[in-house]
C-alpha atoms as a PDB file:
ATOM      1  CA  UNK A   1       1.564   6.740 -18.633  1.00  0.00           C
ATOM      2  CA  UNK A   2       0.805   8.687 -21.756  1.00  0.00           C
ATOM      3  CA  UNK A   3       0.693   6.229 -24.632  1.00  0.00           C
ATOM      4  CA  UNK A   4       3.065   8.323 -26.689  1.00  0.00           C
ATOM      5  CA  UNK A   5       6.052   8.066 -24.304  1.00  0.00           C
ATOM      6  CA  UNK A   6       7.684   4.872 -23.134  1.00  0.00           C
ATOM      7  CA  UNK A   7       8.954   4.806 -19.531  1.00  0.00           C
ATOM      8  CA  UNK A   8      12.531   5.077 -20.825  1.00  0.00           C
ATOM      9  CA  UNK A   9      11.666   8.069 -23.016  1.00  0.00           C
ATOM     10  CA  UNK A  10       9.863   9.780 -20.145  1.00  0.00           C
ATOM     11  CA  UNK A  11      12.837   9.207 -17.850  1.00  0.00           C
ATOM     12  CA  UNK A  12      15.293  10.840 -20.251  1.00  0.00           C
ATOM     13  CA  UNK A  13      12.910  13.632 -21.159  1.00  0.00           C
ATOM     14  CA  UNK A  14      12.390  14.414 -17.483  1.00  0.00           C
ATOM     15  CA  UNK A  15      16.137  14.617 -16.907  1.00  0.00           C
ATOM     16  CA  UNK A  16      16.399  17.059 -19.811  1.00  0.00           C
ATOM     17  CA  UNK A  17      13.539  19.150 -18.415  1.00  0.00           C
ATOM     18  CA  UNK A  18      15.630  19.510 -15.240  1.00  0.00           C
ATOM     19  CA  UNK A  19      18.472  20.958 -17.307  1.00  0.00           C
ATOM     20  CA  UNK A  20      20.103  20.509 -20.726  1.00  0.00           C
ATOM     21  CA  UNK A  21      22.448  17.522 -20.755  1.00  0.00           C
ATOM     22  CA  UNK A  22      24.520  15.382 -23.093  1.00  0.00           C
ATOM     23  CA  UNK A  23      24.272  11.601 -23.280  1.00  0.00           C
ATOM     24  CA  UNK A  24      27.213  10.862 -21.025  1.00  0.00           C
ATOM     25  CA  UNK A  25      25.863  13.212 -18.361  1.00  0.00           C
ATOM     26  CA  UNK A  26      22.470  11.519 -18.588  1.00  0.00           C
ATOM     27  CA  UNK A  27      24.150   8.188 -17.924  1.00  0.00           C
ATOM     28  CA  UNK A  28      25.978   9.648 -14.900  1.00  0.00           C
ATOM     29  CA  UNK A  29      22.721  10.967 -13.405  1.00  0.00           C
ATOM     30  CA  UNK A  30      20.935   7.663 -14.027  1.00  0.00           C
ATOM     31  CA  UNK A  31      23.731   5.841 -12.221  1.00  0.00           C
ATOM     32  CA  UNK A  32      24.063   8.321  -9.347  1.00  0.00           C
ATOM     33  CA  UNK A  33      20.325   8.337  -8.624  1.00  0.00           C
ATOM     34  CA  UNK A  34      20.021   4.555  -8.689  1.00  0.00           C
ATOM     35  CA  UNK A  35      17.641   4.756 -11.634  1.00  0.00           C
ATOM     36  CA  UNK A  36      18.964   1.518 -13.096  1.00  0.00           C
ATOM     37  CA  UNK A  37      16.977  -0.209 -10.349  1.00  0.00           C
ATOM     38  CA  UNK A  38      13.708   0.803 -11.994  1.00  0.00           C
ATOM     39  CA  UNK A  39      14.481   1.731 -15.584  1.00  0.00           C
ATOM     40  CA  UNK A  40      15.653  -0.319 -18.507  1.00  0.00           C
ATOM     41  CA  UNK A  41      18.022   2.301 -19.838  1.00  0.00           C
ATOM     42  CA  UNK A  42      21.490   1.052 -20.617  1.00  0.00           C
ATOM     43  CA  UNK A  43      24.269   3.369 -21.693  1.00  0.00           C
ATOM     44  CA  UNK A  44      24.017   2.082 -25.244  1.00  0.00           C
ATOM     45  CA  UNK A  45      20.292   2.899 -25.465  1.00  0.00           C
ATOM     46  CA  UNK A  46      20.593   6.528 -24.345  1.00  0.00           C
ATOM     47  CA  UNK A  47      21.607   7.843 -27.773  1.00  0.00           C
ATOM     48  CA  UNK A  48      18.940   5.772 -29.502  1.00  0.00           C
ATOM     49  CA  UNK A  49      16.301   7.231 -27.168  1.00  0.00           C
ATOM     50  CA  UNK A  50      17.634  10.761 -27.645  1.00  0.00           C
ATOM     51  CA  UNK A  51      17.355  10.330 -31.406  1.00  0.00           C
ATOM     52  CA  UNK A  52      13.754   9.135 -31.055  1.00  0.00           C
ATOM     53  CA  UNK A  53      12.848  12.084 -28.838  1.00  0.00           C
ATOM     54  CA  UNK A  54      14.559  14.499 -31.227  1.00  0.00           C
ATOM     55  CA  UNK A  55      12.843  12.994 -34.272  1.00  0.00           C
ATOM     56  CA  UNK A  56       9.481  13.421 -32.549  1.00  0.00           C
ATOM     57  CA  UNK A  57      10.191  17.101 -31.893  1.00  0.00           C
ATOM     58  CA  UNK A  58      10.319  16.670 -28.108  1.00  0.00           C
ATOM     59  CA  UNK A  59      13.968  17.689 -27.678  1.00  0.00           C
ATOM     60  CA  UNK A  60      16.408  19.749 -29.658  1.00  0.00           C
ATOM     61  CA  UNK A  61      20.162  20.066 -29.778  1.00  0.00           C
ATOM     62  CA  UNK A  62      21.508  23.271 -28.244  1.00  0.00           C
ATOM     63  CA  UNK A  63      24.759  25.118 -28.661  1.00  0.00           C
ATOM     64  CA  UNK A  64      27.174  24.193 -25.925  1.00  0.00           C
ATOM     65  CA  UNK A  65      30.609  25.557 -25.173  1.00  0.00           C
ATOM     66  CA  UNK A  66      33.310  23.509 -26.843  1.00  0.00           C
ATOM     67  CA  UNK A  67      35.475  21.778 -24.241  1.00  0.00           C
ATOM     68  CA  UNK A  68      39.135  22.714 -24.019  1.00  0.00           C
ATOM     69  CA  UNK A  69      40.065  19.047 -24.224  1.00  0.00           C
ATOM     70  CA  UNK A  70      38.218  16.115 -25.659  1.00  0.00           C
ATOM     71  CA  UNK A  71      35.493  16.071 -28.236  1.00  0.00           C
ATOM     72  CA  UNK A  72      32.421  18.222 -28.286  1.00  0.00           C
ATOM     73  CA  UNK A  73      29.269  16.576 -26.992  1.00  0.00           C
ATOM     74  CA  UNK A  74      25.759  17.065 -28.256  1.00  0.00           C
ATOM     75  CA  UNK A  75      23.674  18.733 -25.577  1.00  0.00           C
ATOM     76  CA  UNK A  76      19.888  18.433 -25.663  1.00  0.00           C
ATOM     77  CA  UNK A  77      17.032  20.330 -24.071  1.00  0.00           C
ATOM     78  CA  UNK A  78      13.276  19.844 -24.312  1.00  0.00           C
ATOM     79  CA  UNK A  79      11.102  21.762 -26.733  1.00  0.00           C
ATOM     80  CA  UNK A  80       7.859  23.295 -25.451  1.00  0.00           C
ATOM     81  CA  UNK A  81       6.047  20.237 -26.865  1.00  0.00           C
ATOM     82  CA  UNK A  82       8.530  18.052 -24.992  1.00  0.00           C
ATOM     83  CA  UNK A  83       7.849  19.832 -21.707  1.00  0.00           C
ATOM     84  CA  UNK A  84       4.098  19.412 -22.199  1.00  0.00           C
ATOM     85  CA  UNK A  85       4.431  15.731 -23.132  1.00  0.00           C
ATOM     86  CA  UNK A  86       6.689  15.142 -20.118  1.00  0.00           C
ATOM     87  CA  UNK A  87       4.224  16.800 -17.732  1.00  0.00           C
ATOM     88  CA  UNK A  88       1.254  14.813 -19.107  1.00  0.00           C
ATOM     89  CA  UNK A  89       3.101  11.502 -19.043  1.00  0.00           C
ATOM     90  CA  UNK A  90       4.551  12.098 -15.552  1.00  0.00           C
ATOM     91  CA  UNK A  91       1.126  12.997 -14.177  1.00  0.00           C
ATOM     92  CA  UNK A  92      -0.376   9.849 -15.687  1.00  0.00           C
ATOM     93  CA  UNK A  93       2.483   7.713 -14.339  1.00  0.00           C
ATOM     94  CA  UNK A  94       1.833   9.022 -10.815  1.00  0.00           C
ATOM     95  CA  UNK A  95      -1.964   8.773 -10.976  1.00  0.00           C
ATOM     96  CA  UNK A  96      -2.581   5.519 -12.839  1.00  0.00           C
ATOM     97  CA  UNK A  97      -2.282   2.185 -11.109  1.00  0.00           C
ATOM     98  CA  UNK A  98      -0.773  -0.214 -13.608  1.00  0.00           C
ATOM     99  CA  UNK A  99      -0.316  -3.943 -13.287  1.00  0.00           C
ATOM    100  CA  UNK A 100       3.168  -5.283 -12.815  1.00  0.00           C
ATOM    101  CA  UNK A 101       4.244  -8.772 -13.746  1.00  0.00           C
ATOM    102  CA  UNK A 102       6.947  -9.850 -11.299  1.00  0.00           C
ATOM    103  CA  UNK A 103       8.604 -13.169 -12.152  1.00  0.00           C
ATOM    104  CA  UNK A 104       8.400 -14.016  -8.432  1.00  0.00           C
ATOM    105  CA  UNK A 105       4.665 -14.602  -8.803  1.00  0.00           C
ATOM    106  CA  UNK A 106       5.236 -16.985 -11.708  1.00  0.00           C
ATOM    107  CA  UNK A 107       7.720 -18.879  -9.561  1.00  0.00           C
ATOM    108  CA  UNK A 108       5.287 -19.038  -6.643  1.00  0.00           C
ATOM    109  CA  UNK A 109       2.526 -20.268  -8.937  1.00  0.00           C
ATOM    110  CA  UNK A 110       4.807 -23.161  -9.881  1.00  0.00           C
ATOM    111  CA  UNK A 111       6.188 -23.766  -6.405  1.00  0.00           C
ATOM    112  CA  UNK A 112       4.755 -27.309  -6.081  1.00  0.00           C
ATOM    113  CA  UNK A 113       7.276 -28.613  -8.617  1.00  0.00           C
ATOM    114  CA  UNK A 114      10.289 -27.342  -6.654  1.00  0.00           C
ATOM    115  CA  UNK A 115      11.666 -29.741  -4.028  1.00  0.00           C
ATOM    116  CA  UNK A 116      11.303 -28.224  -0.520  1.00  0.00           C
ATOM    117  CA  UNK A 117      15.053 -27.964   0.150  1.00  0.00           C
ATOM    118  CA  UNK A 118      15.622 -26.181  -3.169  1.00  0.00           C
ATOM    119  CA  UNK A 119      12.711 -23.840  -2.489  1.00  0.00           C
ATOM    120  CA  UNK A 120      14.190 -22.926   0.914  1.00  0.00           C
ATOM    121  CA  UNK A 121      17.558 -22.277  -0.746  1.00  0.00           C
ATOM    122  CA  UNK A 122      15.897 -20.110  -3.409  1.00  0.00           C
ATOM    123  CA  UNK A 123      14.079 -18.096  -0.744  1.00  0.00           C
ATOM    124  CA  UNK A 124      17.373 -17.696   1.145  1.00  0.00           C
ATOM    125  CA  UNK A 125      19.024 -16.380  -2.034  1.00  0.00           C
ATOM    126  CA  UNK A 126      16.150 -13.961  -2.558  1.00  0.00           C
ATOM    127  CA  UNK A 127      16.445 -12.698   1.040  1.00  0.00           C
ATOM    128  CA  UNK A 128      20.184 -12.130   0.556  1.00  0.00           C
ATOM    129  CA  UNK A 129      19.589 -10.327  -2.754  1.00  0.00           C
ATOM    130  CA  UNK A 130      16.967  -8.085  -1.136  1.00  0.00           C
ATOM    131  CA  UNK A 131      19.373  -7.196   1.665  1.00  0.00           C
ATOM    132  CA  UNK A 132      22.157  -6.397  -0.827  1.00  0.00           C
ATOM    133  CA  UNK A 133      19.903  -4.250  -2.996  1.00  0.00           C
ATOM    134  CA  UNK A 134      18.578  -2.393   0.046  1.00  0.00           C
ATOM    135  CA  UNK A 135      22.127  -1.647   1.187  1.00  0.00           C
ATOM    136  CA  UNK A 136      23.126  -0.473  -2.303  1.00  0.00           C
ATOM    137  CA  UNK A 137      20.142   1.872  -2.620  1.00  0.00           C
ATOM    138  CA  UNK A 138      20.731   3.302   0.851  1.00  0.00           C
ATOM    139  CA  UNK A 139      24.397   3.890  -0.011  1.00  0.00           C
ATOM    140  CA  UNK A 140      23.451   5.641  -3.272  1.00  0.00           C
ATOM    141  CA  UNK A 141      20.905   7.803  -1.430  1.00  0.00           C
ATOM    142  CA  UNK A 142      23.289   8.665   1.386  1.00  0.00           C
ATOM    143  CA  UNK A 143      26.056   9.586  -1.083  1.00  0.00           C
ATOM    144  CA  UNK A 144      23.933  12.507  -2.288  1.00  0.00           C
ATOM    145  CA  UNK A 145      23.224  14.862   0.598  1.00  0.00           C
ATOM    146  CA  UNK A 146      21.017  17.787  -0.249  1.00  0.00           C
ATOM    147  CA  UNK A 147      19.231  16.039  -3.112  1.00  0.00           C
ATOM    148  CA  UNK A 148      15.894  17.483  -4.283  1.00  0.00           C
ATOM    149  CA  UNK A 149      12.803  16.136  -2.538  1.00  0.00           C
ATOM    150  CA  UNK A 150      11.525  14.333  -5.628  1.00  0.00           C
ATOM    151  CA  UNK A 151      14.807  12.424  -5.953  1.00  0.00           C
ATOM    152  CA  UNK A 152      14.648  11.453  -2.281  1.00  0.00           C
ATOM    153  CA  UNK A 153      11.068  10.265  -2.857  1.00  0.00           C
ATOM    154  CA  UNK A 154      12.307   7.890  -5.563  1.00  0.00           C
ATOM    155  CA  UNK A 155      14.890   6.398  -3.217  1.00  0.00           C
ATOM    156  CA  UNK A 156      12.328   6.190  -0.394  1.00  0.00           C
ATOM    157  CA  UNK A 157       9.769   4.486  -2.633  1.00  0.00           C
ATOM    158  CA  UNK A 158      12.329   1.886  -3.742  1.00  0.00           C
ATOM    159  CA  UNK A 159      13.401   1.265  -0.150  1.00  0.00           C
ATOM    160  CA  UNK A 160       9.753   0.995   0.939  1.00  0.00           C
ATOM    161  CA  UNK A 161       9.052  -1.584  -1.764  1.00  0.00           C
ATOM    162  CA  UNK A 162      12.097  -3.609  -0.731  1.00  0.00           C
ATOM    163  CA  UNK A 163      11.142  -3.413   2.962  1.00  0.00           C
ATOM    164  CA  UNK A 164       7.612  -4.602   2.151  1.00  0.00           C
ATOM    165  CA  UNK A 165       8.978  -7.562   0.211  1.00  0.00           C
ATOM    166  CA  UNK A 166      11.415  -8.379   3.007  1.00  0.00           C
ATOM    167  CA  UNK A 167       8.512  -8.430   5.524  1.00  0.00           C
ATOM    168  CA  UNK A 168       6.430 -10.604   3.209  1.00  0.00           C
ATOM    169  CA  UNK A 169       9.329 -12.993   2.638  1.00  0.00           C
ATOM    170  CA  UNK A 170      10.076 -13.305   6.364  1.00  0.00           C
ATOM    171  CA  UNK A 171       6.402 -14.066   7.079  1.00  0.00           C
ATOM    172  CA  UNK A 172       6.207 -16.536   4.213  1.00  0.00           C
ATOM    173  CA  UNK A 173       9.318 -18.373   5.322  1.00  0.00           C
ATOM    174  CA  UNK A 174       8.161 -18.409   8.966  1.00  0.00           C
ATOM    175  CA  UNK A 175       4.803 -19.879   7.924  1.00  0.00           C
ATOM    176  CA  UNK A 176       6.545 -22.786   6.230  1.00  0.00           C
ATOM    177  CA  UNK A 177       6.787 -21.794   2.595  1.00  0.00           C
ATOM    178  CA  UNK A 178       7.365 -25.390   1.581  1.00  0.00           C
ATOM    179  CA  UNK A 179       4.147 -26.616   3.225  1.00  0.00           C
ATOM    180  CA  UNK A 180       2.348 -28.172   0.287  1.00  0.00           C
ATOM    181  CA  UNK A 181      -0.668 -29.440   2.185  1.00  0.00           C
ATOM    182  CA  UNK A 182      -2.970 -27.035   0.342  1.00  0.00           C
ATOM    183  CA  UNK A 183      -1.105 -27.020  -2.934  1.00  0.00           C
ATOM    184  CA  UNK A 184      -1.094 -30.708  -3.846  1.00  0.00           C
ATOM    185  CA  UNK A 185      -2.949 -31.408  -7.082  1.00  0.00           C
ATOM    186  CA  UNK A 186      -6.204 -33.332  -6.692  1.00  0.00           C
ATOM    187  CA  UNK A 187      -5.901 -37.093  -6.758  1.00  0.00           C
ATOM    188  CA  UNK A 188      -6.529 -38.754 -10.082  1.00  0.00           C
ATOM    189  CA  UNK A 189      -8.914 -41.639 -10.490  1.00  0.00           C
ATOM    190  CA  UNK A 190      -7.668 -44.848 -11.997  1.00  0.00           C
ATOM    191  CA  UNK A 191      -9.117 -43.733 -15.337  1.00  0.00           C
ATOM    192  CA  UNK A 192      -6.873 -40.635 -15.290  1.00  0.00           C
ATOM    193  CA  UNK A 193      -9.659 -38.093 -14.690  1.00  0.00           C
ATOM    194  CA  UNK A 194      -9.268 -35.347 -12.143  1.00  0.00           C
ATOM    195  CA  UNK A 195     -11.938 -35.367  -9.367  1.00  0.00           C
ATOM    196  CA  UNK A 196     -12.001 -31.561  -9.261  1.00  0.00           C
ATOM    197  CA  UNK A 197     -13.164 -31.116 -12.853  1.00  0.00           C
END
């Protein structure tokens, strides 16, 4: 991703490139599209991010019709520099393979310290959580018939990732995830030294 835009900034900027929006509307779109599954944008951070984008000259406030009821909302749209920055950053985000640091891998690396029955229970909880998240993403996708292809691609990617993890987890559990025969630390000599060193 372009070094000058964080993933959260790029997400909001992209939504503004689609069409001018106010902060509350941005939050509604983020929720409706299931973007909270892969972004770290809370409602409270939207206005902070909009201010940052505005201060960098990537978005500007536009005149919007005053509502009949309620208070007026600030509506933003991208500047030409904002559109260019969004395009560059989006292209880089699609093209560049970046490392991810899932906590699951840290847990697996420390699996030998978890008693087998607790490990099985943890894997069961993970399987249930994966099933719940899959159902929630499918429901969000199915609640939006006629969505643009790029939005469907986001849902499909998320569902594909979840399906891949579910397959991996099923295989791992079937192979005996708590089999520690190859994960036991090397035996220590009486003097406390490790034979493998």
